[in-house]
Amino acid sequence: MKPAERYDWIENFLRVAQRRLGTVRYTVDICDSYFVDAYIKAVKCTFQPTMFGAYRCRQLGRDLSHMAKVRRLKRHRSGLGDMRSMGFPSWVWSYYLPKNPD
């Protein structure tokens, strides 16, 4: 899948989740196993399986970062608390859609 198609898929995933949950903002990150699994299945990319938590997918991280740089997504830091003892990072970027101008 080409990068533009992957970016569209990520935006669509966020829009559908927002509508389904009726929230103003729905965030995703690389530790969200439901989101990561759906991305891997949709774009058929390589990943590194893990014993617990979300699989590691470098392409997803690059796509999210690029989308934030070109302002298709916004991001903020999310702390993971005491999860470091289980091998998780102390924080991750959480990504969400910017507000619509309407």
C-alpha atoms as a PDB file:
ATOM      1  CA  MET A   1       0.000   0.000   0.000  1.00  0.00           C
ATOM      2  CA  LYS A   2       1.299   3.451  -0.904  1.00  0.00           C
ATOM      3  CA  PRO A   3       1.949   6.042   1.821  1.00  0.00           C
ATOM      4  CA  ALA A   4      -0.994   8.264   0.787  1.00  0.00           C
ATOM      5  CA  GLU A   5      -3.338   5.263   1.067  1.00  0.00           C
ATOM      6  CA  ARG A   6      -1.966   4.410   4.515  1.00  0.00           C
ATOM      7  CA  TYR A   7      -2.443   8.002   5.684  1.00  0.00           C
ATOM      8  CA  ASP A   8      -6.033   7.958   4.419  1.00  0.00           C
ATOM      9  CA  TRP A   9      -6.621   4.664   6.226  1.00  0.00           C
ATOM     10  CA  ILE A  10      -5.365   6.108   9.524  1.00  0.00           C
ATOM     11  CA  GLU A  11      -7.563   9.215   9.173  1.00  0.00           C
ATOM     12  CA  ASN A  12     -10.583   7.089   8.316  1.00  0.00           C
ATOM     13  CA  PHE A  13      -9.936   4.809  11.315  1.00  0.00           C
ATOM     14  CA  LEU A  14      -9.923   7.836  13.619  1.00  0.00           C
ATOM     15  CA  ARG A  15     -13.064   9.375  12.056  1.00  0.00           C
ATOM     16  CA  VAL A  16     -15.015   6.126  12.332  1.00  0.00           C
ATOM     17  CA  ALA A  17     -13.919   5.636  15.953  1.00  0.00           C
ATOM     18  CA  GLN A  18     -14.933   9.198  16.850  1.00  0.00           C
ATOM     19  CA  ARG A  19     -18.357   8.764  15.251  1.00  0.00           C
ATOM     20  CA  ARG A  20     -18.928   5.343  16.780  1.00  0.00           C
ATOM     21  CA  LEU A  21     -18.015   6.507  20.266  1.00  0.00           C
ATOM     22  CA  GLY A  22     -19.593   9.940  19.902  1.00  0.00           C
ATOM     23  CA  THR A  23     -16.455  11.685  21.136  1.00  0.00           C
ATOM     24  CA  VAL A  24     -14.915  14.965  20.080  1.00  0.00           C
ATOM     25  CA  ARG A  25     -11.413  13.485  20.061  1.00  0.00           C
ATOM     26  CA  TYR A  26     -10.268   9.887  19.779  1.00  0.00           C
ATOM     27  CA  THR A  27      -6.561   9.201  20.233  1.00  0.00           C
ATOM     28  CA  VAL A  28      -4.348   6.321  19.119  1.00  0.00           C
ATOM     29  CA  ASP A  29      -0.750   5.430  19.835  1.00  0.00           C
ATOM     30  CA  ILE A  30       1.732   2.646  19.166  1.00  0.00           C
ATOM     31  CA  CYS A  31       0.703   0.841  22.374  1.00  0.00           C
ATOM     32  CA  ASP A  32      -2.967   0.579  21.310  1.00  0.00           C
ATOM     33  CA  SER A  33      -3.044  -3.082  20.258  1.00  0.00           C
ATOM     34  CA  TYR A  34      -6.495  -2.849  18.617  1.00  0.00           C
ATOM     35  CA  PHE A  35      -5.311   0.017  16.395  1.00  0.00           C
ATOM     36  CA  VAL A  36      -1.895  -1.543  15.655  1.00  0.00           C
ATOM     37  CA  ASP A  37      -3.438  -4.927  14.762  1.00  0.00           C
ATOM     38  CA  ALA A  38      -6.012  -3.274  12.473  1.00  0.00           C
ATOM     39  CA  TYR A  39      -3.255  -1.257  10.754  1.00  0.00           C
ATOM     40  CA  ILE A  40      -1.044  -4.324  10.225  1.00  0.00           C
ATOM     41  CA  LYS A  41      -3.961  -6.293   8.785  1.00  0.00           C
ATOM     42  CA  ALA A  42      -5.111  -3.430   6.518  1.00  0.00           C
ATOM     43  CA  VAL A  43      -1.738  -2.445   5.048  1.00  0.00           C
ATOM     44  CA  LYS A  44      -0.062  -5.886   5.238  1.00  0.00           C
ATOM     45  CA  CYS A  45       3.194  -4.533   6.633  1.00  0.00           C
ATOM     46  CA  THR A  46       5.982  -6.214   8.562  1.00  0.00           C
ATOM     47  CA  PHE A  47       5.918  -6.220  12.347  1.00  0.00           C
ATOM     48  CA  GLN A  48       7.681  -7.694  15.315  1.00  0.00           C
ATOM     49  CA  PRO A  49       5.457  -9.874  17.528  1.00  0.00           C
ATOM     50  CA  THR A  50       5.573  -9.301  21.281  1.00  0.00           C
ATOM     51  CA  MET A  51       4.573 -11.505  24.215  1.00  0.00           C
ATOM     52  CA  PHE A  52       2.083  -8.917  25.488  1.00  0.00           C
ATOM     53  CA  GLY A  53       0.889  -5.506  24.415  1.00  0.00           C
ATOM     54  CA  ALA A  54       0.803  -4.189  20.873  1.00  0.00           C
ATOM     55  CA  TYR A  55       3.053  -5.621  18.190  1.00  0.00           C
ATOM     56  CA  ARG A  56       5.932  -3.390  17.115  1.00  0.00           C
ATOM     57  CA  CYS A  57       5.447  -1.854  13.691  1.00  0.00           C
ATOM     58  CA  ARG A  58       8.064   0.672  12.587  1.00  0.00           C
ATOM     59  CA  GLN A  59       6.102   1.687   9.503  1.00  0.00           C
ATOM     60  CA  LEU A  60       3.134   2.731  11.640  1.00  0.00           C
ATOM     61  CA  GLY A  61       5.373   4.879  13.829  1.00  0.00           C
ATOM     62  CA  ARG A  62       6.861   6.562  10.774  1.00  0.00           C
ATOM     63  CA  ASP A  63       3.423   7.132   9.231  1.00  0.00           C
ATOM     64  CA  LEU A  64       2.026   8.702  12.402  1.00  0.00           C
ATOM     65  CA  SER A  65       5.091  10.911  12.814  1.00  0.00           C
ATOM     66  CA  HIS A  66       4.935  12.072   9.196  1.00  0.00           C
ATOM     67  CA  MET A  67       1.229  12.836   9.454  1.00  0.00           C
ATOM     68  CA  ALA A  68       1.898  15.002  12.503  1.00  0.00           C
ATOM     69  CA  LYS A  69       4.732  16.830  10.727  1.00  0.00           C
ATOM     70  CA  VAL A  70       2.499  17.715   7.770  1.00  0.00           C
ATOM     71  CA  ARG A  71      -0.358  18.552  10.181  1.00  0.00           C
ATOM     72  CA  ARG A  72      -2.768  15.835   9.078  1.00  0.00           C
ATOM     73  CA  LEU A  73      -2.746  14.730  12.735  1.00  0.00           C
ATOM     74  CA  LYS A  74      -2.014  16.419  16.034  1.00  0.00           C
ATOM     75  CA  ARG A  75      -0.145  14.754  18.859  1.00  0.00           C
ATOM     76  CA  HIS A  76       0.583  15.060  22.556  1.00  0.00           C
ATOM     77  CA  ARG A  77       2.656  13.121  25.052  1.00  0.00           C
ATOM     78  CA  SER A  78       0.913  10.444  27.077  1.00  0.00           C
ATOM     79  CA  GLY A  79       2.631   9.049  30.131  1.00  0.00           C
ATOM     80  CA  LEU A  80       2.334   5.322  30.766  1.00  0.00           C
ATOM     81  CA  GLY A  81       2.882   5.490  34.503  1.00  0.00           C
ATOM     82  CA  ASP A  82       4.386   2.422  36.122  1.00  0.00           C
ATOM     83  CA  MET A  83       4.351   0.364  32.926  1.00  0.00           C
ATOM     84  CA  ARG A  84       8.136   0.805  32.518  1.00  0.00           C
ATOM     85  CA  SER A  85       8.768  -2.153  34.811  1.00  0.00           C
ATOM     86  CA  MET A  86       7.011  -4.368  32.227  1.00  0.00           C
ATOM     87  CA  GLY A  87       9.160  -3.151  29.319  1.00  0.00           C
ATOM     88  CA  PHE A  88       6.987  -0.288  28.091  1.00  0.00           C
ATOM     89  CA  PRO A  89       8.350   3.221  27.506  1.00  0.00           C
ATOM     90  CA  SER A  90       7.643   5.905  30.109  1.00  0.00           C
ATOM     91  CA  TRP A  91       5.629   7.912  27.547  1.00  0.00           C
ATOM     92  CA  VAL A  92       4.403   7.734  23.938  1.00  0.00           C
ATOM     93  CA  TRP A  93       2.969  10.175  21.425  1.00  0.00           C
ATOM     94  CA  SER A  94      -0.819  10.018  21.200  1.00  0.00           C
ATOM     95  CA  TYR A  95      -2.250  11.101  17.856  1.00  0.00           C
ATOM     96  CA  TYR A  96      -5.652  12.558  17.026  1.00  0.00           C
ATOM     97  CA  LEU A  97      -7.419  14.394  14.210  1.00  0.00           C
ATOM     98  CA  PRO A  98      -7.278  18.184  14.228  1.00  0.00           C
ATOM     99  CA  LYS A  99     -10.612  19.925  14.727  1.00  0.00           C
ATOM    100  CA  ASN A 100     -12.678  20.467  11.617  1.00  0.00           C
ATOM    101  CA  PRO A 101     -13.125  24.128  10.666  1.00  0.00           C
ATOM    102  CA  ASP A 102     -16.933  23.769  10.516  1.00  0.00           C
END
